[in-house]
Amino acid sequence: MSSYGFSRKILGTAVLAVALLVVPSAGTAKEAKAGKGLAGIYNSRYCEIFVVEPPVASLFTVKVFNTVGLNECPRDRWNAVDFDAIRQEWGALGAVANGPRRWTIDAISGGRAGNPFEMSGLEVRKVATLETPSLSPEPFTEVAIDRTTVWKFRKGRNIRIVVSPTGKRYAMQSYTKTVDPGLKARHLNSIGRNPLIALPEGWKFKTKKLRRPLALEVKRTARIVRDGLGSTYQRFRWPNRR
């Protein structure tokens, strides 16, 4: 461990797991009807690799690579990734596993990503470069991420929501088993009762079954929190109905 207190485990559960993406490509997800984005991704698996550079002016630079739209992060290839070799190749402070993760949304549109390439045998592409003052923000700490995307939920889908003491709502976008290996999609409606979620005083967990499709659009800046289980949520407002 470096003098910065860096570790894979710390950053691997950090809120930077935002699934920033994406452009459709060959893979298991279906192309969205609009022609840009991904559809049919609910509970599909993906992985991310963070390449962390030393801090400059108190900010760490994190390059984010993921498998979304390329593959579902095959277990044998993921388990064979040599993070120390990646760190050395990139001349980085560290290379960190984030995931595997699974989506709780049905489709994505918007966003940009780099060209696919192999990173230690796993096909990935670069989706973002982030700057952050901390590699391990506390659960339910809001982080701003620059991106433009639309998360889509189909009619009849249960969405999971955390609500802050001031009434800010955040919709779950992905979850992981890295904290609770037994966590499955069927458990998500009740994770508010899981002590590992670490809900702060005044926060609430809710679920809502959608009566119509829902699209949550972000232009330029997304505001993200993670819970104690490593699930990530995006801040939103219910769309106005005319």
C-alpha atoms as a PDB file:
ATOM      1  CA  MET A   1       0.000   0.000   0.000  1.00  0.00           C
ATOM      2  CA  SER A   2       1.266   3.455  -0.897  1.00  0.00           C
ATOM      3  CA  SER A   3       1.564   6.488   1.331  1.00  0.00           C
ATOM      4  CA  TYR A   4      -1.820   7.569  -0.039  1.00  0.00           C
ATOM      5  CA  GLY A   5      -3.538   4.629   1.657  1.00  0.00           C
ATOM      6  CA  PHE A   6      -4.421   3.216  -1.756  1.00  0.00           C
ATOM      7  CA  SER A   7      -6.007  -0.234  -2.007  1.00  0.00           C
ATOM      8  CA  ARG A   8      -8.074  -2.127  -4.553  1.00  0.00           C
ATOM      9  CA  LYS A   9     -10.729  -2.928  -1.980  1.00  0.00           C
ATOM     10  CA  ILE A  10     -11.281   0.711  -1.035  1.00  0.00           C
ATOM     11  CA  LEU A  11     -11.657   2.095  -4.524  1.00  0.00           C
ATOM     12  CA  GLY A  12     -13.393  -1.015  -5.779  1.00  0.00           C
ATOM     13  CA  THR A  13     -16.468  -0.107  -3.726  1.00  0.00           C
ATOM     14  CA  ALA A  14     -16.225   3.630  -4.310  1.00  0.00           C
ATOM     15  CA  VAL A  15     -18.970   5.736  -5.752  1.00  0.00           C
ATOM     16  CA  LEU A  16     -17.009   6.179  -8.956  1.00  0.00           C
ATOM     17  CA  ALA A  17     -18.830   3.061 -10.146  1.00  0.00           C
ATOM     18  CA  VAL A  18     -21.147   5.096 -12.283  1.00  0.00           C
ATOM     19  CA  ALA A  19     -21.378   3.174 -15.509  1.00  0.00           C
ATOM     20  CA  LEU A  20     -20.682   6.199 -17.611  1.00  0.00           C
ATOM     21  CA  LEU A  21     -21.179   5.216 -21.115  1.00  0.00           C
ATOM     22  CA  VAL A  22     -22.049   4.130 -23.773  1.00  0.00           C
ATOM     23  CA  VAL A  23     -22.096   3.431 -27.410  1.00  0.00           C
ATOM     24  CA  PRO A  24     -23.657   0.195 -28.719  1.00  0.00           C
ATOM     25  CA  SER A  25     -21.346  -2.446 -30.088  1.00  0.00           C
ATOM     26  CA  ALA A  26     -21.209  -6.187 -30.511  1.00  0.00           C
ATOM     27  CA  GLY A  27     -22.199  -7.935 -27.334  1.00  0.00           C
ATOM     28  CA  THR A  28     -25.106  -9.498 -25.506  1.00  0.00           C
ATOM     29  CA  ALA A  29     -27.160  -6.316 -25.126  1.00  0.00           C
ATOM     30  CA  LYS A  30     -29.605  -5.422 -27.873  1.00  0.00           C
ATOM     31  CA  GLU A  31     -29.296  -2.187 -29.797  1.00  0.00           C
ATOM     32  CA  ALA A  32     -31.815   0.419 -28.723  1.00  0.00           C
ATOM     33  CA  LYS A  33     -34.512   1.222 -31.285  1.00  0.00           C
ATOM     34  CA  ALA A  34     -33.343   4.801 -31.544  1.00  0.00           C
ATOM     35  CA  GLY A  35     -30.071   3.487 -32.940  1.00  0.00           C
ATOM     36  CA  LYS A  36     -27.868   4.893 -30.195  1.00  0.00           C
ATOM     37  CA  GLY A  37     -27.420   3.201 -26.871  1.00  0.00           C
ATOM     38  CA  LEU A  38     -28.172  -0.175 -25.369  1.00  0.00           C
ATOM     39  CA  ALA A  39     -31.441  -1.928 -24.555  1.00  0.00           C
ATOM     40  CA  GLY A  40     -32.360  -5.140 -22.757  1.00  0.00           C
ATOM     41  CA  ILE A  41     -29.627  -4.723 -20.163  1.00  0.00           C
ATOM     42  CA  TYR A  42     -31.557  -5.266 -16.908  1.00  0.00           C
ATOM     43  CA  ASN A  43     -29.477  -7.479 -14.580  1.00  0.00           C
ATOM     44  CA  SER A  44     -26.773  -7.903 -17.225  1.00  0.00           C
ATOM     45  CA  ARG A  45     -23.235  -8.101 -15.926  1.00  0.00           C
ATOM     46  CA  TYR A  46     -20.352  -5.721 -16.606  1.00  0.00           C
ATOM     47  CA  CYS A  47     -16.981  -4.864 -15.073  1.00  0.00           C
ATOM     48  CA  GLU A  48     -14.830  -1.766 -14.782  1.00  0.00           C
ATOM     49  CA  ILE A  49     -11.124  -1.143 -14.310  1.00  0.00           C
ATOM     50  CA  PHE A  50      -9.946   2.098 -12.725  1.00  0.00           C
ATOM     51  CA  VAL A  51      -6.428   3.307 -13.506  1.00  0.00           C
ATOM     52  CA  VAL A  52      -5.453   5.780 -10.779  1.00  0.00           C
ATOM     53  CA  GLU A  53      -2.804   8.431 -11.201  1.00  0.00           C
ATOM     54  CA  PRO A  54      -1.006  10.215  -8.326  1.00  0.00           C
ATOM     55  CA  PRO A  55      -2.791  13.314  -7.026  1.00  0.00           C
ATOM     56  CA  VAL A  56      -2.118  16.743  -8.471  1.00  0.00           C
ATOM     57  CA  ALA A  57      -3.322  19.763  -6.479  1.00  0.00           C
ATOM     58  CA  SER A  58      -5.114  17.378  -4.076  1.00  0.00           C
ATOM     59  CA  LEU A  59      -7.048  15.649  -6.873  1.00  0.00           C
ATOM     60  CA  PHE A  60      -6.616  12.067  -8.068  1.00  0.00           C
ATOM     61  CA  THR A  61      -7.124  11.401 -11.788  1.00  0.00           C
ATOM     62  CA  VAL A  62      -8.993   8.162 -12.482  1.00  0.00           C
ATOM     63  CA  LYS A  63      -9.265   6.686 -15.978  1.00  0.00           C
ATOM     64  CA  VAL A  64     -12.346   4.467 -16.246  1.00  0.00           C
ATOM     65  CA  PHE A  65     -12.519   1.476 -18.605  1.00  0.00           C
ATOM     66  CA  ASN A  66     -15.453  -0.926 -18.811  1.00  0.00           C
ATOM     67  CA  THR A  67     -16.943  -3.843 -20.723  1.00  0.00           C
ATOM     68  CA  VAL A  68     -20.427  -2.415 -21.312  1.00  0.00           C
ATOM     69  CA  GLY A  69     -21.698  -3.140 -24.809  1.00  0.00           C
ATOM     70  CA  LEU A  70     -18.687  -5.350 -25.540  1.00  0.00           C
ATOM     71  CA  ASN A  71     -19.149  -8.405 -23.329  1.00  0.00           C
ATOM     72  CA  GLU A  72     -20.607  -9.465 -19.977  1.00  0.00           C
ATOM     73  CA  CYS A  73     -17.209  -9.730 -18.331  1.00  0.00           C
ATOM     74  CA  PRO A  74     -16.559 -13.497 -18.599  1.00  0.00           C
ATOM     75  CA  ARG A  75     -15.557 -14.852 -15.204  1.00  0.00           C
ATOM     76  CA  ASP A  76     -12.427 -16.611 -16.413  1.00  0.00           C
ATOM     77  CA  ARG A  77     -11.093 -13.499 -18.127  1.00  0.00           C
ATOM     78  CA  TRP A  78     -12.027 -11.222 -15.238  1.00  0.00           C
ATOM     79  CA  ASN A  79     -10.366 -13.504 -12.718  1.00  0.00           C
ATOM     80  CA  ALA A  80      -7.234 -13.593 -14.874  1.00  0.00           C
ATOM     81  CA  VAL A  81      -6.817  -9.801 -15.095  1.00  0.00           C
ATOM     82  CA  ASP A  82      -3.380  -8.831 -13.724  1.00  0.00           C
ATOM     83  CA  PHE A  83      -3.986  -5.483 -12.056  1.00  0.00           C
ATOM     84  CA  ASP A  84      -0.380  -5.059 -10.993  1.00  0.00           C
ATOM     85  CA  ALA A  85       0.745  -5.519 -14.604  1.00  0.00           C
ATOM     86  CA  ILE A  86      -1.801  -2.899 -15.708  1.00  0.00           C
ATOM     87  CA  ARG A  87      -0.510  -0.503 -13.058  1.00  0.00           C
ATOM     88  CA  GLN A  88       3.051  -0.934 -14.304  1.00  0.00           C
ATOM     89  CA  GLU A  89       2.087  -0.688 -17.978  1.00  0.00           C
ATOM     90  CA  TRP A  90       0.223   2.584 -17.413  1.00  0.00           C
ATOM     91  CA  GLY A  91       2.750   3.969 -14.933  1.00  0.00           C
ATOM     92  CA  ALA A  92      -0.099   4.488 -12.478  1.00  0.00           C
ATOM     93  CA  LEU A  93      -0.495   4.702  -8.735  1.00  0.00           C
ATOM     94  CA  GLY A  94      -2.760   1.690  -8.974  1.00  0.00           C
ATOM     95  CA  ALA A  95      -5.188  -0.326 -11.087  1.00  0.00           C
ATOM     96  CA  VAL A  96      -8.422  -1.312  -9.394  1.00  0.00           C
ATOM     97  CA  ALA A  97     -11.258  -3.752 -10.026  1.00  0.00           C
ATOM     98  CA  ASN A  98     -14.774  -2.352  -9.858  1.00  0.00           C
ATOM     99  CA  GLY A  99     -17.288  -5.125 -10.060  1.00  0.00           C
ATOM    100  CA  PRO A 100     -18.559  -7.294 -11.399  1.00  0.00           C
ATOM    101  CA  ARG A 101     -21.691  -5.135 -11.381  1.00  0.00           C
ATOM    102  CA  ARG A 102     -25.225  -5.617 -12.714  1.00  0.00           C
ATOM    103  CA  TRP A 103     -27.651  -3.080 -14.148  1.00  0.00           C
ATOM    104  CA  THR A 104     -31.007  -2.235 -12.584  1.00  0.00           C
ATOM    105  CA  ILE A 105     -32.077  -0.164 -15.597  1.00  0.00           C
ATOM    106  CA  ASP A 106     -33.480  -1.445 -18.886  1.00  0.00           C
ATOM    107  CA  ALA A 107     -31.746   0.757 -21.435  1.00  0.00           C
ATOM    108  CA  ILE A 108     -29.249   3.578 -21.878  1.00  0.00           C
ATOM    109  CA  SER A 109     -28.870   6.191 -24.571  1.00  0.00           C
ATOM    110  CA  GLY A 110     -26.332   8.957 -25.041  1.00  0.00           C
ATOM    111  CA  GLY A 111     -22.737   9.085 -23.920  1.00  0.00           C
ATOM    112  CA  ARG A 112     -19.454   8.411 -25.633  1.00  0.00           C
ATOM    113  CA  ALA A 113     -16.771   5.774 -25.372  1.00  0.00           C
ATOM    114  CA  GLY A 114     -13.373   5.054 -26.854  1.00  0.00           C
ATOM    115  CA  ASN A 115     -12.362   2.274 -29.222  1.00  0.00           C
ATOM    116  CA  PRO A 116     -12.304  -1.284 -27.823  1.00  0.00           C
ATOM    117  CA  PHE A 117      -8.984  -2.873 -26.908  1.00  0.00           C
ATOM    118  CA  GLU A 118      -7.711  -5.653 -24.649  1.00  0.00           C
ATOM    119  CA  MET A 119      -6.560  -4.817 -21.151  1.00  0.00           C
ATOM    120  CA  SER A 120      -4.861  -7.866 -19.622  1.00  0.00           C
ATOM    121  CA  GLY A 121      -6.954 -10.158 -21.827  1.00  0.00           C
ATOM    122  CA  LEU A 122     -10.303  -8.431 -21.181  1.00  0.00           C
ATOM    123  CA  GLU A 123     -11.934  -6.395 -23.939  1.00  0.00           C
ATOM    124  CA  VAL A 124     -12.765  -2.919 -22.624  1.00  0.00           C
ATOM    125  CA  ARG A 125     -12.914   0.672 -23.727  1.00  0.00           C
ATOM    126  CA  LYS A 126     -12.282   3.973 -22.033  1.00  0.00           C
ATOM    127  CA  VAL A 127     -15.481   5.726 -20.983  1.00  0.00           C
ATOM    128  CA  ALA A 128     -14.312   8.575 -18.750  1.00  0.00           C
ATOM    129  CA  THR A 129     -11.535  10.397 -16.945  1.00  0.00           C
ATOM    130  CA  LEU A 130     -12.497  11.606 -13.490  1.00  0.00           C
ATOM    131  CA  GLU A 131     -10.908  13.858 -10.923  1.00  0.00           C
ATOM    132  CA  THR A 132     -11.685  13.235  -7.272  1.00  0.00           C
ATOM    133  CA  PRO A 133     -10.276  14.422  -3.935  1.00  0.00           C
ATOM    134  CA  SER A 134     -10.940  11.034  -2.316  1.00  0.00           C
ATOM    135  CA  LEU A 135     -10.654   7.438  -3.457  1.00  0.00           C
ATOM    136  CA  SER A 136     -13.086   6.246  -0.795  1.00  0.00           C
ATOM    137  CA  PRO A 137     -15.988   8.650  -0.163  1.00  0.00           C
ATOM    138  CA  GLU A 138     -18.373   7.606   2.609  1.00  0.00           C
ATOM    139  CA  PRO A 139     -21.643   5.884   1.603  1.00  0.00           C
ATOM    140  CA  PHE A 140     -24.370   8.331   0.569  1.00  0.00           C
ATOM    141  CA  THR A 141     -21.851  11.081  -0.193  1.00  0.00           C
ATOM    142  CA  GLU A 142     -23.022  12.839  -3.364  1.00  0.00           C
ATOM    143  CA  VAL A 143     -20.478  13.000  -6.180  1.00  0.00           C
ATOM    144  CA  ALA A 144     -20.878  15.005  -9.408  1.00  0.00           C
ATOM    145  CA  ILE A 145     -19.951  13.249 -12.672  1.00  0.00           C
ATOM    146  CA  ASP A 146     -19.781  15.013 -16.027  1.00  0.00           C
ATOM    147  CA  ARG A 147     -21.823  13.066 -18.570  1.00  0.00           C
ATOM    148  CA  THR A 148     -24.960  13.216 -20.709  1.00  0.00           C
ATOM    149  CA  THR A 149     -27.099  10.078 -20.646  1.00  0.00           C
ATOM    150  CA  VAL A 150     -30.672   8.827 -20.382  1.00  0.00           C
ATOM    151  CA  TRP A 151     -31.451   5.886 -18.077  1.00  0.00           C
ATOM    152  CA  LYS A 152     -34.645   4.094 -19.148  1.00  0.00           C
ATOM    153  CA  PHE A 153     -36.972   1.870 -17.135  1.00  0.00           C
ATOM    154  CA  ARG A 154     -39.777  -0.123 -18.742  1.00  0.00           C
ATOM    155  CA  LYS A 155     -43.401  -0.075 -17.633  1.00  0.00           C
ATOM    156  CA  GLY A 156     -43.967  -2.487 -14.738  1.00  0.00           C
ATOM    157  CA  ARG A 157     -40.372  -2.320 -13.533  1.00  0.00           C
ATOM    158  CA  ASN A 158     -39.769  -1.857  -9.814  1.00  0.00           C
ATOM    159  CA  ILE A 159     -37.333   0.986  -9.296  1.00  0.00           C
ATOM    160  CA  ARG A 160     -35.431   1.342  -6.023  1.00  0.00           C
ATOM    161  CA  ILE A 161     -35.080   4.798  -4.574  1.00  0.00           C
ATOM    162  CA  VAL A 162     -33.213   6.331  -1.646  1.00  0.00           C
ATOM    163  CA  VAL A 163     -34.454   9.656  -0.304  1.00  0.00           C
ATOM    164  CA  SER A 164     -32.302  12.106   1.639  1.00  0.00           C
ATOM    165  CA  PRO A 165     -33.541  13.987   4.728  1.00  0.00           C
ATOM    166  CA  THR A 166     -34.029  17.047   2.483  1.00  0.00           C
ATOM    167  CA  GLY A 167     -36.156  15.110  -0.012  1.00  0.00           C
ATOM    168  CA  LYS A 168     -33.598  14.506  -2.761  1.00  0.00           C
ATOM    169  CA  ARG A 169     -34.379  11.284  -4.643  1.00  0.00           C
ATOM    170  CA  TYR A 170     -31.834   8.908  -6.152  1.00  0.00           C
ATOM    171  CA  ALA A 171     -32.770   5.944  -8.383  1.00  0.00           C
ATOM    172  CA  MET A 172     -30.675   2.770  -8.290  1.00  0.00           C
ATOM    173  CA  GLN A 173     -28.764   2.165 -11.518  1.00  0.00           C
ATOM    174  CA  SER A 174     -26.567  -0.815 -10.628  1.00  0.00           C
ATOM    175  CA  TYR A 175     -25.629  -3.225  -7.844  1.00  0.00           C
ATOM    176  CA  THR A 176     -22.731  -5.508  -6.988  1.00  0.00           C
ATOM    177  CA  LYS A 177     -22.058  -8.636  -4.943  1.00  0.00           C
ATOM    178  CA  THR A 178     -18.618  -7.507  -3.814  1.00  0.00           C
ATOM    179  CA  VAL A 179     -19.900  -6.547  -0.342  1.00  0.00           C
ATOM    180  CA  ASP A 180     -22.665  -9.150   0.041  1.00  0.00           C
ATOM    181  CA  PRO A 181     -21.892 -12.205  -2.149  1.00  0.00           C
ATOM    182  CA  GLY A 182     -25.436 -13.525  -1.667  1.00  0.00           C
ATOM    183  CA  LEU A 183     -27.124 -10.426  -3.098  1.00  0.00           C
ATOM    184  CA  LYS A 184     -29.336 -11.104  -6.127  1.00  0.00           C
ATOM    185  CA  ALA A 185     -31.760  -9.040  -8.197  1.00  0.00           C
ATOM    186  CA  ARG A 186     -34.727 -10.589  -6.369  1.00  0.00           C
ATOM    187  CA  HIS A 187     -33.412  -9.164  -3.081  1.00  0.00           C
ATOM    188  CA  LEU A 188     -33.204  -5.563  -4.254  1.00  0.00           C
ATOM    189  CA  ASN A 189     -36.732  -4.543  -3.252  1.00  0.00           C
ATOM    190  CA  SER A 190     -35.945  -5.345   0.370  1.00  0.00           C
ATOM    191  CA  ILE A 191     -32.308  -4.238   0.755  1.00  0.00           C
ATOM    192  CA  GLY A 192     -33.502  -1.301   2.824  1.00  0.00           C
ATOM    193  CA  ARG A 193     -33.714  -3.863   5.655  1.00  0.00           C
ATOM    194  CA  ASN A 194     -30.182  -5.133   5.031  1.00  0.00           C
ATOM    195  CA  PRO A 195     -27.943  -3.600   7.729  1.00  0.00           C
ATOM    196  CA  LEU A 196     -25.049  -3.459   5.259  1.00  0.00           C
ATOM    197  CA  ILE A 197     -26.856  -0.773   3.263  1.00  0.00           C
ATOM    198  CA  ALA A 198     -25.798   1.654   6.048  1.00  0.00           C
ATOM    199  CA  LEU A 199     -28.656   4.133   5.618  1.00  0.00           C
ATOM    200  CA  PRO A 200     -27.746   7.299   7.546  1.00  0.00           C
ATOM    201  CA  GLU A 201     -30.220   8.772   9.989  1.00  0.00           C
ATOM    202  CA  GLY A 202     -33.036  10.491   8.134  1.00  0.00           C
ATOM    203  CA  TRP A 203     -32.526   8.611   4.848  1.00  0.00           C
ATOM    204  CA  LYS A 204     -35.238   6.298   3.507  1.00  0.00           C
ATOM    205  CA  PHE A 205     -35.312   3.396   1.044  1.00  0.00           C
ATOM    206  CA  LYS A 206     -38.386   2.941  -1.147  1.00  0.00           C
ATOM    207  CA  THR A 207     -39.543   0.946  -4.157  1.00  0.00           C
ATOM    208  CA  LYS A 208     -42.049   1.990  -6.798  1.00  0.00           C
ATOM    209  CA  LYS A 209     -43.645  -0.089  -9.554  1.00  0.00           C
ATOM    210  CA  LEU A 210     -43.857   1.998 -12.695  1.00  0.00           C
ATOM    211  CA  ARG A 211     -47.234   2.434 -14.360  1.00  0.00           C
ATOM    212  CA  ARG A 212     -45.571   3.813 -17.489  1.00  0.00           C
ATOM    213  CA  PRO A 213     -42.054   3.847 -18.926  1.00  0.00           C
ATOM    214  CA  LEU A 214     -39.657   6.235 -17.224  1.00  0.00           C
ATOM    215  CA  ALA A 215     -36.670   8.032 -18.737  1.00  0.00           C
ATOM    216  CA  LEU A 216     -34.248   9.865 -16.436  1.00  0.00           C
ATOM    217  CA  GLU A 217     -32.185  12.291 -18.456  1.00  0.00           C
ATOM    218  CA  VAL A 218     -28.928  13.909 -17.403  1.00  0.00           C
ATOM    219  CA  LYS A 219     -27.442  16.821 -19.332  1.00  0.00           C
ATOM    220  CA  ARG A 220     -23.798  17.520 -18.464  1.00  0.00           C
ATOM    221  CA  THR A 221     -23.760  16.602 -14.758  1.00  0.00           C
ATOM    222  CA  ALA A 222     -25.042  13.482 -12.982  1.00  0.00           C
ATOM    223  CA  ARG A 223     -25.192  13.400  -9.191  1.00  0.00           C
ATOM    224  CA  ILE A 224     -24.468   9.977  -7.769  1.00  0.00           C
ATOM    225  CA  VAL A 225     -24.461   8.283  -4.368  1.00  0.00           C
ATOM    226  CA  ARG A 226     -23.609   4.723  -3.381  1.00  0.00           C
ATOM    227  CA  ASP A 227     -24.963   2.728  -0.459  1.00  0.00           C
ATOM    228  CA  GLY A 228     -23.005   0.519   1.928  1.00  0.00           C
ATOM    229  CA  LEU A 229     -23.591  -2.485  -0.345  1.00  0.00           C
ATOM    230  CA  GLY A 230     -21.906  -0.748  -3.255  1.00  0.00           C
ATOM    231  CA  SER A 231     -25.126  -0.110  -5.215  1.00  0.00           C
ATOM    232  CA  THR A 232     -25.114   3.184  -7.104  1.00  0.00           C
ATOM    233  CA  TYR A 233     -27.983   5.659  -7.437  1.00  0.00           C
ATOM    234  CA  GLN A 234     -28.551   8.722  -9.607  1.00  0.00           C
ATOM    235  CA  ARG A 235     -30.358  11.831  -8.416  1.00  0.00           C
ATOM    236  CA  PHE A 236     -33.571  12.576 -10.290  1.00  0.00           C
ATOM    237  CA  ARG A 237     -36.893  14.356 -10.252  1.00  0.00           C
ATOM    238  CA  TRP A 238     -40.151  12.800 -11.377  1.00  0.00           C
ATOM    239  CA  PRO A 239     -40.962  14.081 -14.889  1.00  0.00           C
ATOM    240  CA  ASN A 240     -43.830  16.549 -15.138  1.00  0.00           C
ATOM    241  CA  ARG A 241     -46.911  15.001 -16.757  1.00  0.00           C
ATOM    242  CA  ARG A 242     -48.885  17.243 -19.072  1.00  0.00           C
END
